[in-house]
């Protein structure tokens, strides 16, 4: 899995190139673990990820001790399949999975 990392001050953007599944999960977690401690905002840019399975949920909703207690995570560039997976996970586990924290500005602009 090729992951492009861009750091600007306290913000990092990680852009994976390819599918997110259990075969690629360890390299994606390694990219997060390699971020400097001063990074407090992590954005996953998924424009080059056309498929994501449940491993993507593990990645995006990792426990705070794995990602950093003070680090916020957002997502951009979601393809329809990944968005459907996130919304389905929210329907199944509404108290455990809060997708509004991943893309709060997007949800505020959706109709009705």
Protein backbone atom coordinates (compact mmCIF):
# COMPACT_ATOMS: atom_id res chain seq x y z
CA UNK A 1 0.00 0.00 0.00
CA UNK A 2 1.38 3.36 -1.02
CA UNK A 3 0.40 6.19 1.36
CA UNK A 4 1.20 9.82 0.67
CA UNK A 5 1.73 11.83 3.86
CA UNK A 6 1.59 15.61 3.94
CA UNK A 7 2.22 17.52 7.16
CA UNK A 8 1.39 21.20 7.57
CA UNK A 9 1.97 22.42 11.10
CA UNK A 10 -0.22 20.37 13.43
CA UNK A 11 -2.26 18.88 10.58
CA UNK A 12 -1.43 15.72 8.63
CA UNK A 13 -3.14 14.38 5.54
CA UNK A 14 -2.74 10.70 4.68
CA UNK A 15 -3.74 9.60 1.18
CA UNK A 16 -3.78 5.83 0.61
CA UNK A 17 -3.56 4.63 -2.97
CA UNK A 18 -5.59 1.42 -3.23
CA UNK A 19 -8.15 -0.61 -1.33
CA UNK A 20 -8.40 -0.59 2.45
CA UNK A 21 -8.72 -4.14 3.77
CA UNK A 22 -7.05 -6.32 6.38
CA UNK A 23 -4.06 -6.88 4.06
CA UNK A 24 -3.33 -3.13 3.99
CA UNK A 25 -4.44 -2.21 7.53
CA UNK A 26 -1.02 -2.71 9.14
CA UNK A 27 0.75 -0.41 6.68
CA UNK A 28 -1.93 2.26 7.16
CA UNK A 29 -1.61 2.03 10.94
CA UNK A 30 2.17 2.27 10.56
CA UNK A 31 1.70 5.52 8.60
CA UNK A 32 -0.39 6.91 11.47
CA UNK A 33 2.08 5.68 14.10
CA UNK A 34 4.92 7.40 12.19
CA UNK A 35 3.30 10.83 12.48
CA UNK A 36 5.09 13.27 14.79
CA UNK A 37 3.55 13.77 18.23
CA UNK A 38 2.78 17.43 17.52
CA UNK A 39 0.20 16.42 14.87
CA UNK A 40 -3.23 16.98 16.43
CA UNK A 41 -5.39 16.79 13.27
CA UNK A 42 -5.39 13.76 10.99
CA UNK A 43 -7.26 13.82 7.69
CA UNK A 44 -7.70 10.68 5.62
CA UNK A 45 -7.99 11.62 1.95
CA UNK A 46 -9.70 8.60 0.38
CA UNK A 47 -10.06 9.85 -3.19
CA UNK A 48 -7.75 7.05 -4.43
CA UNK A 49 -9.53 4.37 -2.38
CA UNK A 50 -12.46 2.87 -4.27
CA UNK A 51 -13.05 -0.04 -1.87
CA UNK A 52 -12.97 -0.27 1.92
CA UNK A 53 -14.06 -3.23 4.02
CA UNK A 54 -14.52 -3.48 7.78
CA UNK A 55 -10.77 -2.90 8.21
CA UNK A 56 -11.46 0.72 7.29
CA UNK A 57 -13.77 0.98 10.30
CA UNK A 58 -10.97 -0.33 12.51
CA UNK A 59 -8.65 2.28 11.02
CA UNK A 60 -11.00 5.26 11.27
CA UNK A 61 -12.38 4.39 14.70
CA UNK A 62 -9.14 3.24 16.33
CA UNK A 63 -8.95 3.63 20.09
CA UNK A 64 -7.57 6.99 21.21
CA UNK A 65 -4.39 5.44 22.65
CA UNK A 66 -3.49 4.18 19.17
CA UNK A 67 -4.10 7.45 17.34
CA UNK A 68 -3.24 9.89 20.10
CA UNK A 69 -5.62 11.14 22.76
CA UNK A 70 -5.69 14.73 21.49
CA UNK A 71 -5.77 13.92 17.76
CA UNK A 72 -8.96 14.52 15.77
CA UNK A 73 -9.64 12.47 12.66
CA UNK A 74 -11.59 13.55 9.59
CA UNK A 75 -12.22 12.02 6.17
CA UNK A 76 -12.46 13.52 2.69
CA UNK A 77 -12.84 12.08 -0.79
CA UNK A 78 -15.12 9.19 0.17
CA UNK A 79 -16.34 7.05 -2.70
CA UNK A 80 -19.96 5.79 -2.53
CA UNK A 81 -19.04 2.27 -1.37
CA UNK A 82 -17.03 3.53 1.61
CA UNK A 83 -19.75 6.02 2.54
CA UNK A 84 -22.37 3.24 2.45
CA UNK A 85 -20.15 1.12 4.73
CA UNK A 86 -19.80 3.96 7.24
CA UNK A 87 -23.54 4.69 7.24
CA UNK A 88 -24.39 0.99 7.60
CA UNK A 89 -21.99 0.70 10.53
CA UNK A 90 -23.68 3.70 12.13
CA UNK A 91 -27.10 2.07 11.70
CA UNK A 92 -25.88 -1.19 13.24
CA UNK A 93 -23.88 0.37 16.11
CA UNK A 94 -25.19 3.93 16.59
CA UNK A 95 -23.65 4.38 20.04
CA UNK A 96 -20.23 2.97 19.10
CA UNK A 97 -19.69 4.57 15.69
CA UNK A 98 -20.17 8.30 15.28
CA UNK A 99 -19.42 9.21 11.66
CA UNK A 100 -20.33 12.84 12.28
CA UNK A 101 -16.89 13.32 13.84
CA UNK A 102 -15.22 12.16 10.62
CA UNK A 103 -16.88 14.70 8.36
CA UNK A 104 -18.89 17.14 10.50
CA UNK A 105 -19.07 19.89 7.86
CA UNK A 106 -20.43 17.48 5.22
CA UNK A 107 -23.28 16.13 7.35
CA UNK A 108 -24.43 19.65 8.17
CA UNK A 109 -24.99 20.37 4.46
CA UNK A 110 -27.02 17.24 3.61
CA UNK A 111 -30.71 17.83 2.85
CA UNK A 112 -33.46 16.97 5.32
